[in-house]
Amino acid sequence: MKALTLTIQAFGPFAKTQKIDFSLFGESSLYLINGNTGSGKTTILDAISFALYGDTTGKEREASDMRCDYADASLPTEVIFEFKLGEKIYRIQRMPKQEVKNLEAKARRLKPQKLIYGK
């Protein structure tokens, strides 16, 4: 599996939408995640784990607890992970159970998690 992109929205310490483009690392198969304490390193791994398995890493955090306390109330918590396996590209979009105060149209966005592949 080769990670392509990871989009995190209102997840962990990330109050807004953040996108990591792993293709910027070239063909390297090894990455170093480095930063200060509390900068979101483990959250990146939690987001990938949540996308793939529906749960975060370790036993300390539940997926439903990953909503950012500082996110705008109308912004739903969401993770989108794209990766390549063999010649196929997969896209996983997951949203943990959450209460989001927003307009009816945005509330309809809170669909069950889905897996889209074969891009």
PDB file of N, CA and C in Angstrom:
ATOM      1  N   MET A   1       0.851  -1.179   0.000  1.00  0.00           N
ATOM      2  CA  MET A   1       0.000   0.000   0.000  1.00  0.00           C
ATOM      3  C   MET A   1       0.894   1.238   0.000  1.00  0.00           C
ATOM      4  N   LYS A   2       0.548   2.191  -0.848  1.00  0.00           N
ATOM      5  CA  LYS A   2       1.282   3.459  -0.907  1.00  0.00           C
ATOM      6  C   LYS A   2       0.295   4.594  -0.656  1.00  0.00           C
ATOM      7  N   ALA A   3       0.512   5.348   0.408  1.00  0.00           N
ATOM      8  CA  ALA A   3      -0.357   6.486   0.732  1.00  0.00           C
ATOM      9  C   ALA A   3      -0.223   7.549  -0.354  1.00  0.00           C
ATOM     10  N   LEU A   4      -1.347   8.111  -0.783  1.00  0.00           N
ATOM     11  CA  LEU A   4      -1.340   9.190  -1.773  1.00  0.00           C
ATOM     12  C   LEU A   4      -1.707  10.522  -1.135  1.00  0.00           C
ATOM     13  N   THR A   5      -2.895  10.592  -0.504  1.00  0.00           N
ATOM     14  CA  THR A   5      -3.312  11.818   0.183  1.00  0.00           C
ATOM     15  C   THR A   5      -4.099  11.449   1.436  1.00  0.00           C
ATOM     16  N   LEU A   6      -4.051  12.357   2.391  1.00  0.00           N
ATOM     17  CA  LEU A   6      -4.851  12.243   3.615  1.00  0.00           C
ATOM     18  C   LEU A   6      -5.454  13.606   3.879  1.00  0.00           C
ATOM     19  N   THR A   7      -6.780  13.675   3.939  1.00  0.00           N
ATOM     20  CA  THR A   7      -7.478  14.911   4.249  1.00  0.00           C
ATOM     21  C   THR A   7      -8.163  14.732   5.597  1.00  0.00           C
ATOM     22  N   ILE A   8      -7.861  15.647   6.521  1.00  0.00           N
ATOM     23  CA  ILE A   8      -8.391  15.610   7.878  1.00  0.00           C
ATOM     24  C   ILE A   8      -9.197  16.892   8.087  1.00  0.00           C
ATOM     25  N   GLN A   9     -10.427  16.736   8.557  1.00  0.00           N
ATOM     26  CA  GLN A   9     -11.279  17.913   8.773  1.00  0.00           C
ATOM     27  C   GLN A   9     -11.909  17.838  10.153  1.00  0.00           C
ATOM     28  N   ALA A  10     -11.647  18.855  10.987  1.00  0.00           N
ATOM     29  CA  ALA A  10     -12.195  18.931  12.349  1.00  0.00           C
ATOM     30  C   ALA A  10     -11.902  17.661  13.130  1.00  0.00           C
ATOM     31  N   PHE A  11     -10.710  17.123  12.941  1.00  0.00           N
ATOM     32  CA  PHE A  11     -10.299  15.840  13.514  1.00  0.00           C
ATOM     33  C   PHE A  11      -9.094  16.070  14.412  1.00  0.00           C
ATOM     34  N   GLY A  12      -9.179  15.634  15.672  1.00  0.00           N
ATOM     35  CA  GLY A  12      -8.065  15.828  16.603  1.00  0.00           C
ATOM     36  C   GLY A  12      -7.787  17.307  16.808  1.00  0.00           C
ATOM     37  N   PRO A  13      -6.528  17.729  16.750  1.00  0.00           N
ATOM     38  CA  PRO A  13      -6.215  19.147  16.950  1.00  0.00           C
ATOM     39  C   PRO A  13      -6.425  20.000  15.702  1.00  0.00           C
ATOM     40  N   PHE A  14      -6.835  19.383  14.596  1.00  0.00           N
ATOM     41  CA  PHE A  14      -6.985  20.098  13.329  1.00  0.00           C
ATOM     42  C   PHE A  14      -8.400  20.661  13.209  1.00  0.00           C
ATOM     43  N   ALA A  15      -8.561  21.954  13.487  1.00  0.00           N
ATOM     44  CA  ALA A  15      -9.879  22.586  13.522  1.00  0.00           C
ATOM     45  C   ALA A  15     -10.461  22.794  12.128  1.00  0.00           C
ATOM     46  N   LYS A  16      -9.605  22.962  11.153  1.00  0.00           N
ATOM     47  CA  LYS A  16     -10.061  23.191   9.774  1.00  0.00           C
ATOM     48  C   LYS A  16      -9.675  21.993   8.932  1.00  0.00           C
ATOM     49  N   THR A  17      -9.738  22.150   7.625  1.00  0.00           N
ATOM     50  CA  THR A  17      -9.371  21.076   6.707  1.00  0.00           C
ATOM     51  C   THR A  17      -7.879  21.144   6.410  1.00  0.00           C
ATOM     52  N   GLN A  18      -7.202  20.016   6.607  1.00  0.00           N
ATOM     53  CA  GLN A  18      -5.775  19.902   6.310  1.00  0.00           C
ATOM     54  C   GLN A  18      -5.589  18.740   5.344  1.00  0.00           C
ATOM     55  N   LYS A  19      -4.725  18.921   4.357  1.00  0.00           N
ATOM     56  CA  LYS A  19      -4.469  17.853   3.386  1.00  0.00           C
ATOM     57  C   LYS A  19      -2.975  17.579   3.337  1.00  0.00           C
ATOM     58  N   ILE A  20      -2.631  16.303   3.447  1.00  0.00           N
ATOM     59  CA  ILE A  20      -1.247  15.868   3.310  1.00  0.00           C
ATOM     60  C   ILE A  20      -1.142  15.147   1.973  1.00  0.00           C
ATOM     61  N   ASP A  21      -0.235  15.626   1.114  1.00  0.00           N
ATOM     62  CA  ASP A  21      -0.015  15.015  -0.191  1.00  0.00           C
ATOM     63  C   ASP A  21       1.271  14.195  -0.118  1.00  0.00           C
ATOM     64  N   PHE A  22       1.114  12.888   0.080  1.00  0.00           N
ATOM     65  CA  PHE A  22       2.271  12.014   0.227  1.00  0.00           C
ATOM     66  C   PHE A  22       3.059  11.875  -1.069  1.00  0.00           C
ATOM     67  N   SER A  23       2.455  12.214  -2.204  1.00  0.00           N
ATOM     68  CA  SER A  23       3.177  12.107  -3.476  1.00  0.00           C
ATOM     69  C   SER A  23       4.345  13.090  -3.536  1.00  0.00           C
ATOM     70  N   LEU A  24       4.314  14.126  -2.696  1.00  0.00           N
ATOM     71  CA  LEU A  24       5.425  15.083  -2.657  1.00  0.00           C
ATOM     72  C   LEU A  24       6.713  14.432  -2.139  1.00  0.00           C
ATOM     73  N   PHE A  25       6.585  13.268  -1.490  1.00  0.00           N
ATOM     74  CA  PHE A  25       7.760  12.550  -0.990  1.00  0.00           C
ATOM     75  C   PHE A  25       8.397  11.673  -2.063  1.00  0.00           C
ATOM     76  N   GLY A  26       7.847  11.685  -3.276  1.00  0.00           N
ATOM     77  CA  GLY A  26       8.403  10.887  -4.364  1.00  0.00           C
ATOM     78  C   GLY A  26       8.136   9.409  -4.176  1.00  0.00           C
ATOM     79  N   GLU A  27       9.060   8.600  -4.614  1.00  0.00           N
ATOM     80  CA  GLU A  27       8.895   7.143  -4.560  1.00  0.00           C
ATOM     81  C   GLU A  27       9.362   6.532  -3.240  1.00  0.00           C
ATOM     82  N   SER A  28       9.751   7.373  -2.292  1.00  0.00           N
ATOM     83  CA  SER A  28      10.218   6.868  -1.006  1.00  0.00           C
ATOM     84  C   SER A  28       9.115   6.073  -0.315  1.00  0.00           C
ATOM     85  N   SER A  29       9.492   4.968   0.289  1.00  0.00           N
ATOM     86  CA  SER A  29       8.498   4.152   1.001  1.00  0.00           C
ATOM     87  C   SER A  29       8.613   4.317   2.519  1.00  0.00           C
ATOM     88  N   LEU A  30       9.453   5.240   2.955  1.00  0.00           N
ATOM     89  CA  LEU A  30       9.649   5.472   4.376  1.00  0.00           C
ATOM     90  C   LEU A  30       9.511   6.960   4.659  1.00  0.00           C
ATOM     91  N   TYR A  31       8.677   7.309   5.661  1.00  0.00           N
ATOM     92  CA  TYR A  31       8.443   8.708   6.020  1.00  0.00           C
ATOM     93  C   TYR A  31       8.764   8.914   7.490  1.00  0.00           C
ATOM     94  N   LEU A  32       9.189  10.113   7.829  1.00  0.00           N
ATOM     95  CA  LEU A  32       9.397  10.499   9.215  1.00  0.00           C
ATOM     96  C   LEU A  32       8.358  11.546   9.569  1.00  0.00           C
ATOM     97  N   ILE A  33       7.576  11.277  10.598  1.00  0.00           N
ATOM     98  CA  ILE A  33       6.613  12.255  11.094  1.00  0.00           C
ATOM     99  C   ILE A  33       7.252  12.883  12.324  1.00  0.00           C
ATOM    100  N   ASN A  34       7.571  14.154  12.248  1.00  0.00           N
ATOM    101  CA  ASN A  34       8.339  14.832  13.278  1.00  0.00           C
ATOM    102  C   ASN A  34       7.629  16.122  13.673  1.00  0.00           C
ATOM    103  N   GLY A  35       7.664  16.460  14.941  1.00  0.00           N
ATOM    104  CA  GLY A  35       7.071  17.709  15.402  1.00  0.00           C
ATOM    105  C   GLY A  35       7.056  17.780  16.912  1.00  0.00           C
ATOM    106  N   ASN A  36       6.686  18.939  17.406  1.00  0.00           N
ATOM    107  CA  ASN A  36       6.610  19.164  18.850  1.00  0.00           C
ATOM    108  C   ASN A  36       5.477  18.350  19.468  1.00  0.00           C
ATOM    109  N   THR A  37       5.546  18.174  20.771  1.00  0.00           N
ATOM    110  CA  THR A  37       4.477  17.506  21.507  1.00  0.00           C
ATOM    111  C   THR A  37       3.165  18.263  21.271  1.00  0.00           C
ATOM    112  N   GLY A  38       2.115  17.519  20.924  1.00  0.00           N
ATOM    113  CA  GLY A  38       0.809  18.135  20.705  1.00  0.00           C
ATOM    114  C   GLY A  38       0.601  18.713  19.320  1.00  0.00           C
ATOM    115  N   SER A  39       1.538  18.488  18.408  1.00  0.00           N
ATOM    116  CA  SER A  39       1.418  19.090  17.073  1.00  0.00           C
ATOM    117  C   SER A  39       0.575  18.257  16.114  1.00  0.00           C
ATOM    118  N   GLY A  40       0.165  17.041  16.514  1.00  0.00           N
ATOM    119  CA  GLY A  40      -0.740  16.254  15.685  1.00  0.00           C
ATOM    120  C   GLY A  40      -0.123  15.044  15.014  1.00  0.00           C
ATOM    121  N   LYS A  41       1.059  14.628  15.435  1.00  0.00           N
ATOM    122  CA  LYS A  41       1.720  13.468  14.814  1.00  0.00           C
ATOM    123  C   LYS A  41       0.881  12.200  14.980  1.00  0.00           C
ATOM    124  N   THR A  42       0.470  11.913  16.199  1.00  0.00           N
ATOM    125  CA  THR A  42      -0.328  10.714  16.441  1.00  0.00           C
ATOM    126  C   THR A  42      -1.683  10.824  15.759  1.00  0.00           C
ATOM    127  N   THR A  43      -2.206  12.025  15.647  1.00  0.00           N
ATOM    128  CA  THR A  43      -3.501  12.229  14.990  1.00  0.00           C
ATOM    129  C   THR A  43      -3.439  11.827  13.526  1.00  0.00           C
ATOM    130  N   ILE A  44      -2.306  12.050  12.876  1.00  0.00           N
ATOM    131  CA  ILE A  44      -2.152  11.619  11.482  1.00  0.00           C
ATOM    132  C   ILE A  44      -2.291  10.100  11.397  1.00  0.00           C
ATOM    133  N   LEU A  45      -1.634   9.397  12.317  1.00  0.00           N
ATOM    134  CA  LEU A  45      -1.741   7.937  12.345  1.00  0.00           C
ATOM    135  C   LEU A  45      -3.154   7.500  12.736  1.00  0.00           C
ATOM    136  N   ASP A  46      -3.766   8.218  13.682  1.00  0.00           N
ATOM    137  CA  ASP A  46      -5.158   7.932  14.060  1.00  0.00           C
ATOM    138  C   ASP A  46      -6.091   8.088  12.859  1.00  0.00           C
ATOM    139  N   ALA A  47      -5.874   9.121  12.053  1.00  0.00           N
ATOM    140  CA  ALA A  47      -6.732   9.374  10.896  1.00  0.00           C
ATOM    141  C   ALA A  47      -6.610   8.258   9.864  1.00  0.00           C
ATOM    142  N   ILE A  48      -5.384   7.804   9.613  1.00  0.00           N
ATOM    143  CA  ILE A  48      -5.184   6.701   8.671  1.00  0.00           C
ATOM    144  C   ILE A  48      -5.825   5.428   9.208  1.00  0.00           C
ATOM    145  N   SER A  49      -5.619   5.146  10.497  1.00  0.00           N
ATOM    146  CA  SER A  49      -6.221   3.966  11.119  1.00  0.00           C
ATOM    147  C   SER A  49      -7.748   4.044  11.086  1.00  0.00           C
ATOM    148  N   PHE A  50      -8.291   5.219  11.375  1.00  0.00           N
ATOM    149  CA  PHE A  50      -9.748   5.399  11.346  1.00  0.00           C
ATOM    150  C   PHE A  50     -10.287   5.172   9.940  1.00  0.00           C
ATOM    151  N   ALA A  51      -9.597   5.706   8.941  1.00  0.00           N
ATOM    152  CA  ALA A  51     -10.050   5.511   7.558  1.00  0.00           C
ATOM    153  C   ALA A  51     -10.046   4.031   7.184  1.00  0.00           C
ATOM    154  N   LEU A  52      -8.977   3.347   7.518  1.00  0.00           N
ATOM    155  CA  LEU A  52      -8.848   1.938   7.122  1.00  0.00           C
ATOM    156  C   LEU A  52      -9.709   0.991   7.947  1.00  0.00           C
ATOM    157  N   TYR A  53      -9.783   1.225   9.266  1.00  0.00           N
ATOM    158  CA  TYR A  53     -10.403   0.243  10.158  1.00  0.00           C
ATOM    159  C   TYR A  53     -11.619   0.744  10.941  1.00  0.00           C
ATOM    160  N   GLY A  54     -11.910   2.051  10.853  1.00  0.00           N
ATOM    161  CA  GLY A  54     -13.053   2.589  11.582  1.00  0.00           C
ATOM    162  C   GLY A  54     -12.768   2.853  13.045  1.00  0.00           C
ATOM    163  N   ASP A  55     -11.482   2.787  13.436  1.00  0.00           N
ATOM    164  CA  ASP A  55     -11.103   3.027  14.820  1.00  0.00           C
ATOM    165  C   ASP A  55      -9.726   3.685  14.851  1.00  0.00           C
ATOM    166  N   THR A  56      -9.420   4.342  15.960  1.00  0.00           N
ATOM    167  CA  THR A  56      -8.125   5.009  16.087  1.00  0.00           C
ATOM    168  C   THR A  56      -7.082   4.035  16.621  1.00  0.00           C
ATOM    169  N   THR A  57      -5.833   4.496  16.706  1.00  0.00           N
ATOM    170  CA  THR A  57      -4.766   3.654  17.226  1.00  0.00           C
ATOM    171  C   THR A  57      -4.850   3.595  18.743  1.00  0.00           C
ATOM    172  N   GLY A  58      -4.390   2.515  19.303  1.00  0.00           N
ATOM    173  CA  GLY A  58      -4.343   2.403  20.762  1.00  0.00           C
ATOM    174  C   GLY A  58      -5.712   2.302  21.398  1.00  0.00           C
ATOM    175  N   LYS A  59      -5.736   2.361  22.697  1.00  0.00           N
ATOM    176  CA  LYS A  59      -6.980   2.229  23.459  1.00  0.00           C
ATOM    177  C   LYS A  59      -7.373   3.528  24.150  1.00  0.00           C
ATOM    178  N   GLU A  60      -6.590   4.594  23.952  1.00  0.00           N
ATOM    179  CA  GLU A  60      -6.853   5.843  24.673  1.00  0.00           C
ATOM    180  C   GLU A  60      -8.004   6.655  24.089  1.00  0.00           C
ATOM    181  N   ARG A  61      -8.223   6.548  22.771  1.00  0.00           N
ATOM    182  CA  ARG A  61      -9.197   7.410  22.101  1.00  0.00           C
ATOM    183  C   ARG A  61     -10.193   6.590  21.300  1.00  0.00           C
ATOM    184  N   GLU A  62     -11.438   6.956  21.393  1.00  0.00           N
ATOM    185  CA  GLU A  62     -12.480   6.383  20.542  1.00  0.00           C
ATOM    186  C   GLU A  62     -12.625   7.288  19.320  1.00  0.00           C
ATOM    187  N   ALA A  63     -13.045   6.741  18.213  1.00  0.00           N
ATOM    188  CA  ALA A  63     -13.227   7.542  16.997  1.00  0.00           C
ATOM    189  C   ALA A  63     -14.211   8.684  17.239  1.00  0.00           C
ATOM    190  N   SER A  64     -15.250   8.437  18.018  1.00  0.00           N
ATOM    191  CA  SER A  64     -16.249   9.474  18.278  1.00  0.00           C
ATOM    192  C   SER A  64     -15.699  10.606  19.140  1.00  0.00           C
ATOM    193  N   ASP A  65     -14.556  10.403  19.792  1.00  0.00           N
ATOM    194  CA  ASP A  65     -13.929  11.439  20.618  1.00  0.00           C
ATOM    195  C   ASP A  65     -12.950  12.307  19.831  1.00  0.00           C
ATOM    196  N   MET A  66     -12.788  12.052  18.545  1.00  0.00           N
ATOM    197  CA  MET A  66     -11.759  12.731  17.762  1.00  0.00           C
ATOM    198  C   MET A  66     -12.200  14.083  17.202  1.00  0.00           C
ATOM    199  N   ARG A  67     -13.433  14.501  17.449  1.00  0.00           N
ATOM    200  CA  ARG A  67     -13.869  15.803  16.963  1.00  0.00           C
ATOM    201  C   ARG A  67     -13.065  16.910  17.645  1.00  0.00           C
ATOM    202  N   CYS A  68     -12.580  17.855  16.848  1.00  0.00           N
ATOM    203  CA  CYS A  68     -11.807  18.976  17.365  1.00  0.00           C
ATOM    204  C   CYS A  68     -12.720  19.925  18.145  1.00  0.00           C
ATOM    205  N   ASP A  69     -12.331  20.247  19.362  1.00  0.00           N
ATOM    206  CA  ASP A  69     -13.113  21.154  20.199  1.00  0.00           C
ATOM    207  C   ASP A  69     -13.143  22.574  19.644  1.00  0.00           C
ATOM    208  N   TYR A  70     -12.187  22.914  18.797  1.00  0.00           N
ATOM    209  CA  TYR A  70     -12.069  24.275  18.273  1.00  0.00           C
ATOM    210  C   TYR A  70     -12.645  24.425  16.862  1.00  0.00           C
ATOM    211  N   ALA A  71     -13.193  23.350  16.301  1.00  0.00           N
ATOM    212  CA  ALA A  71     -13.754  23.401  14.948  1.00  0.00           C
ATOM    213  C   ALA A  71     -15.063  24.172  14.943  1.00  0.00           C
ATOM    214  N   ASP A  72     -15.332  24.832  13.840  1.00  0.00           N
ATOM    215  CA  ASP A  72     -16.595  25.529  13.649  1.00  0.00           C
ATOM    216  C   ASP A  72     -17.732  24.516  13.783  1.00  0.00           C
ATOM    217  N   ALA A  73     -18.795  24.913  14.443  1.00  0.00           N
ATOM    218  CA  ALA A  73     -19.912  24.000  14.709  1.00  0.00           C
ATOM    219  C   ALA A  73     -20.546  23.443  13.445  1.00  0.00           C
ATOM    220  N   SER A  74     -20.426  24.144  12.325  1.00  0.00           N
ATOM    221  CA  SER A  74     -21.042  23.679  11.086  1.00  0.00           C
ATOM    222  C   SER A  74     -20.124  22.771  10.264  1.00  0.00           C
ATOM    223  N   LEU A  75     -18.890  22.570  10.710  1.00  0.00           N
ATOM    224  CA  LEU A  75     -17.923  21.766   9.963  1.00  0.00           C
ATOM    225  C   LEU A  75     -17.910  20.335  10.497  1.00  0.00           C
ATOM    226  N   PRO A  76     -18.348  19.374   9.698  1.00  0.00           N
ATOM    227  CA  PRO A  76     -18.369  17.995  10.192  1.00  0.00           C
ATOM    228  C   PRO A  76     -16.963  17.396  10.264  1.00  0.00           C
ATOM    229  N   THR A  77     -16.769  16.486  11.189  1.00  0.00           N
ATOM    230  CA  THR A  77     -15.511  15.759  11.317  1.00  0.00           C
ATOM    231  C   THR A  77     -15.469  14.692  10.232  1.00  0.00           C
ATOM    232  N   GLU A  78     -14.338  14.646   9.506  1.00  0.00           N
ATOM    233  CA  GLU A  78     -14.251  13.746   8.364  1.00  0.00           C
ATOM    234  C   GLU A  78     -12.789  13.432   8.065  1.00  0.00           C
ATOM    235  N   VAL A  79     -12.553  12.223   7.597  1.00  0.00           N
ATOM    236  CA  VAL A  79     -11.227  11.803   7.142  1.00  0.00           C
ATOM    237  C   VAL A  79     -11.387  11.189   5.759  1.00  0.00           C
ATOM    238  N   ILE A  80     -10.518  11.597   4.836  1.00  0.00           N
ATOM    239  CA  ILE A  80     -10.489  11.006   3.498  1.00  0.00           C
ATOM    240  C   ILE A  80      -9.059  10.536   3.241  1.00  0.00           C
ATOM    241  N   PHE A  81      -8.912   9.263   2.945  1.00  0.00           N
ATOM    242  CA  PHE A  81      -7.593   8.679   2.712  1.00  0.00           C
ATOM    243  C   PHE A  81      -7.572   8.029   1.337  1.00  0.00           C
ATOM    244  N   GLU A  82      -6.605   8.425   0.529  1.00  0.00           N
ATOM    245  CA  GLU A  82      -6.423   7.819  -0.791  1.00  0.00           C
ATOM    246  C   GLU A  82      -5.084   7.099  -0.799  1.00  0.00           C
ATOM    247  N   PHE A  83      -5.104   5.875  -1.320  1.00  0.00           N
ATOM    248  CA  PHE A  83      -3.877   5.099  -1.395  1.00  0.00           C
ATOM    249  C   PHE A  83      -3.910   4.194  -2.617  1.00  0.00           C
ATOM    250  N   LYS A  84      -2.753   3.716  -2.979  1.00  0.00           N
ATOM    251  CA  LYS A  84      -2.621   2.832  -4.129  1.00  0.00           C
ATOM    252  C   LYS A  84      -2.213   1.453  -3.636  1.00  0.00           C
ATOM    253  N   LEU A  85      -2.867   0.450  -4.152  1.00  0.00           N
ATOM    254  CA  LEU A  85      -2.548  -0.934  -3.842  1.00  0.00           C
ATOM    255  C   LEU A  85      -2.470  -1.663  -5.165  1.00  0.00           C
ATOM    256  N   GLY A  86      -1.279  -2.085  -5.535  1.00  0.00           N
ATOM    257  CA  GLY A  86      -1.094  -2.647  -6.874  1.00  0.00           C
ATOM    258  C   GLY A  86      -1.323  -1.546  -7.893  1.00  0.00           C
ATOM    259  N   GLU A  87      -2.191  -1.777  -8.821  1.00  0.00           N
ATOM    260  CA  GLU A  87      -2.501  -0.773  -9.842  1.00  0.00           C
ATOM    261  C   GLU A  87      -3.789  -0.009  -9.545  1.00  0.00           C
ATOM    262  N   LYS A  88      -4.491  -0.386  -8.469  1.00  0.00           N
ATOM    263  CA  LYS A  88      -5.757   0.267  -8.132  1.00  0.00           C
ATOM    264  C   LYS A  88      -5.540   1.394  -7.136  1.00  0.00           C
ATOM    265  N   ILE A  89      -6.333   2.450  -7.297  1.00  0.00           N
ATOM    266  CA  ILE A  89      -6.341   3.558  -6.351  1.00  0.00           C
ATOM    267  C   ILE A  89      -7.638   3.486  -5.560  1.00  0.00           C
ATOM    268  N   TYR A  90      -7.510   3.562  -4.235  1.00  0.00           N
ATOM    269  CA  TYR A  90      -8.659   3.486  -3.338  1.00  0.00           C
ATOM    270  C   TYR A  90      -8.851   4.820  -2.642  1.00  0.00           C
ATOM    271  N   ARG A  91     -10.111   5.149  -2.386  1.00  0.00           N
ATOM    272  CA  ARG A  91     -10.454   6.376  -1.658  1.00  0.00           C
ATOM    273  C   ARG A  91     -11.450   5.989  -0.576  1.00  0.00           C
ATOM    274  N   ILE A  92     -11.088   6.247   0.676  1.00  0.00           N
ATOM    275  CA  ILE A  92     -11.965   5.941   1.806  1.00  0.00           C
ATOM    276  C   ILE A  92     -12.363   7.258   2.457  1.00  0.00           C
ATOM    277  N   GLN A  93     -13.650   7.423   2.682  1.00  0.00           N
ATOM    278  CA  GLN A  93     -14.169   8.605   3.375  1.00  0.00           C
ATOM    279  C   GLN A  93     -14.952   8.121   4.582  1.00  0.00           C
ATOM    280  N   ARG A  94     -14.551   8.572   5.762  1.00  0.00           N
ATOM    281  CA  ARG A  94     -15.254   8.179   6.992  1.00  0.00           C
ATOM    282  C   ARG A  94     -15.563   9.406   7.839  1.00  0.00           C
ATOM    283  N   MET A  95     -16.690   9.316   8.513  1.00  0.00           N
ATOM    284  CA  MET A  95     -17.114  10.347   9.457  1.00  0.00           C
ATOM    285  C   MET A  95     -17.542   9.631  10.736  1.00  0.00           C
ATOM    286  N   PRO A  96     -16.918   9.959  11.866  1.00  0.00           N
ATOM    287  CA  PRO A  96     -17.344   9.312  13.110  1.00  0.00           C
ATOM    288  C   PRO A  96     -18.725   9.803  13.524  1.00  0.00           C
ATOM    289  N   LYS A  97     -19.360   9.049  14.408  1.00  0.00           N
ATOM    290  CA  LYS A  97     -20.635   9.509  14.961  1.00  0.00           C
ATOM    291  C   LYS A  97     -20.394  10.854  15.621  1.00  0.00           C
ATOM    292  N   GLN A  98     -21.274  11.807  15.320  1.00  0.00           N
ATOM    293  CA  GLN A  98     -21.072  13.166  15.823  1.00  0.00           C
ATOM    294  C   GLN A  98     -22.356  13.954  15.766  1.00  0.00           C
ATOM    295  N   GLU A  99     -22.406  14.964  16.597  1.00  0.00           N
ATOM    296  CA  GLU A  99     -23.486  15.935  16.538  1.00  0.00           C
ATOM    297  C   GLU A  99     -22.887  17.224  16.016  1.00  0.00           C
ATOM    298  N   VAL A 100     -23.434  17.693  14.904  1.00  0.00           N
ATOM    299  CA  VAL A 100     -22.942  18.939  14.311  1.00  0.00           C
ATOM    300  C   VAL A 100     -24.129  19.874  14.184  1.00  0.00           C
ATOM    301  N   LYS A 101     -24.005  21.055  14.772  1.00  0.00           N
ATOM    302  CA  LYS A 101     -25.074  22.043  14.686  1.00  0.00           C
ATOM    303  C   LYS A 101     -24.883  22.808  13.387  1.00  0.00           C
ATOM    304  N   ASN A 102     -25.819  22.595  12.455  1.00  0.00           N
ATOM    305  CA  ASN A 102     -25.667  23.242  11.152  1.00  0.00           C
ATOM    306  C   ASN A 102     -26.976  23.245  10.387  1.00  0.00           C
ATOM    307  N   LEU A 103     -26.908  23.682   9.180  1.00  0.00           N
ATOM    308  CA  LEU A 103     -28.075  23.737   8.310  1.00  0.00           C
ATOM    309  C   LEU A 103     -28.482  22.339   7.897  1.00  0.00           C
ATOM    310  N   GLU A 104     -29.730  22.202   7.487  1.00  0.00           N
ATOM    311  CA  GLU A 104     -30.245  20.909   7.081  1.00  0.00           C
ATOM    312  C   GLU A 104     -29.419  20.303   5.947  1.00  0.00           C
ATOM    313  N   ALA A 105     -28.983  21.111   5.009  1.00  0.00           N
ATOM    314  CA  ALA A 105     -28.205  20.611   3.870  1.00  0.00           C
ATOM    315  C   ALA A 105     -26.891  19.997   4.333  1.00  0.00           C
ATOM    316  N   LYS A 106     -26.241  20.632   5.294  1.00  0.00           N
ATOM    317  CA  LYS A 106     -24.981  20.078   5.800  1.00  0.00           C
ATOM    318  C   LYS A 106     -25.249  18.823   6.614  1.00  0.00           C
ATOM    319  N   ALA A 107     -26.347  18.768   7.317  1.00  0.00           N
ATOM    320  CA  ALA A 107     -26.671  17.587   8.110  1.00  0.00           C
ATOM    321  C   ALA A 107     -26.817  16.366   7.209  1.00  0.00           C
ATOM    322  N   ARG A 108     -27.296  16.562   5.993  1.00  0.00           N
ATOM    323  CA  ARG A 108     -27.423  15.451   5.057  1.00  0.00           C
ATOM    324  C   ARG A 108     -26.060  14.923   4.624  1.00  0.00           C
ATOM    325  N   ARG A 109     -25.000  15.723   4.785  1.00  0.00           N
ATOM    326  CA  ARG A 109     -23.653  15.276   4.432  1.00  0.00           C
ATOM    327  C   ARG A 109     -23.154  14.199   5.381  1.00  0.00           C
ATOM    328  N   LEU A 110     -23.736  14.089   6.543  1.00  0.00           N
ATOM    329  CA  LEU A 110     -23.274  13.115   7.520  1.00  0.00           C
ATOM    330  C   LEU A 110     -23.766  11.725   7.143  1.00  0.00           C
ATOM    331  N   LYS A 111     -23.252  11.237   6.025  1.00  0.00           N
ATOM    332  CA  LYS A 111     -23.629   9.930   5.512  1.00  0.00           C
ATOM    333  C   LYS A 111     -22.787   8.870   6.207  1.00  0.00           C
ATOM    334  N   PRO A 112     -23.231   7.627   6.120  1.00  0.00           N
ATOM    335  CA  PRO A 112     -22.394   6.564   6.671  1.00  0.00           C
ATOM    336  C   PRO A 112     -21.057   6.503   5.941  1.00  0.00           C
ATOM    337  N   GLN A 113     -20.069   5.929   6.601  1.00  0.00           N
ATOM    338  CA  GLN A 113     -18.761   5.824   5.984  1.00  0.00           C
ATOM    339  C   GLN A 113     -18.845   5.038   4.687  1.00  0.00           C
ATOM    340  N   LYS A 114     -17.942   5.352   3.770  1.00  0.00           N
ATOM    341  CA  LYS A 114     -17.992   4.677   2.489  1.00  0.00           C
ATOM    342  C   LYS A 114     -16.593   4.427   1.960  1.00  0.00           C
ATOM    343  N   LEU A 115     -16.485   3.419   1.137  1.00  0.00           N
ATOM    344  CA  LEU A 115     -15.236   3.063   0.488  1.00  0.00           C
ATOM    345  C   LEU A 115     -15.465   3.168  -1.007  1.00  0.00           C
ATOM    346  N   ILE A 116     -14.654   3.951  -1.643  1.00  0.00           N
ATOM    347  CA  ILE A 116     -14.736   4.101  -3.100  1.00  0.00           C
ATOM    348  C   ILE A 116     -13.386   3.667  -3.657  1.00  0.00           C
ATOM    349  N   TYR A 117     -13.398   2.841  -4.661  1.00  0.00           N
ATOM    350  CA  TYR A 117     -12.126   2.396  -5.207  1.00  0.00           C
ATOM    351  C   TYR A 117     -12.169   2.326  -6.723  1.00  0.00           C
ATOM    352  N   GLY A 118     -11.034   2.067  -7.301  1.00  0.00           N
ATOM    353  CA  GLY A 118     -10.932   1.906  -8.743  1.00  0.00           C
ATOM    354  C   GLY A 118     -10.883   3.204  -9.508  1.00  0.00           C
ATOM    355  N   LYS A 119     -10.362   4.248  -8.885  1.00  0.00           N
ATOM    356  CA  LYS A 119     -10.256   5.547  -9.537  1.00  0.00           C
ATOM    357  C   LYS A 119      -9.498   5.466 -10.830  1.00  0.00           C
TER     358      LYS A 119
END
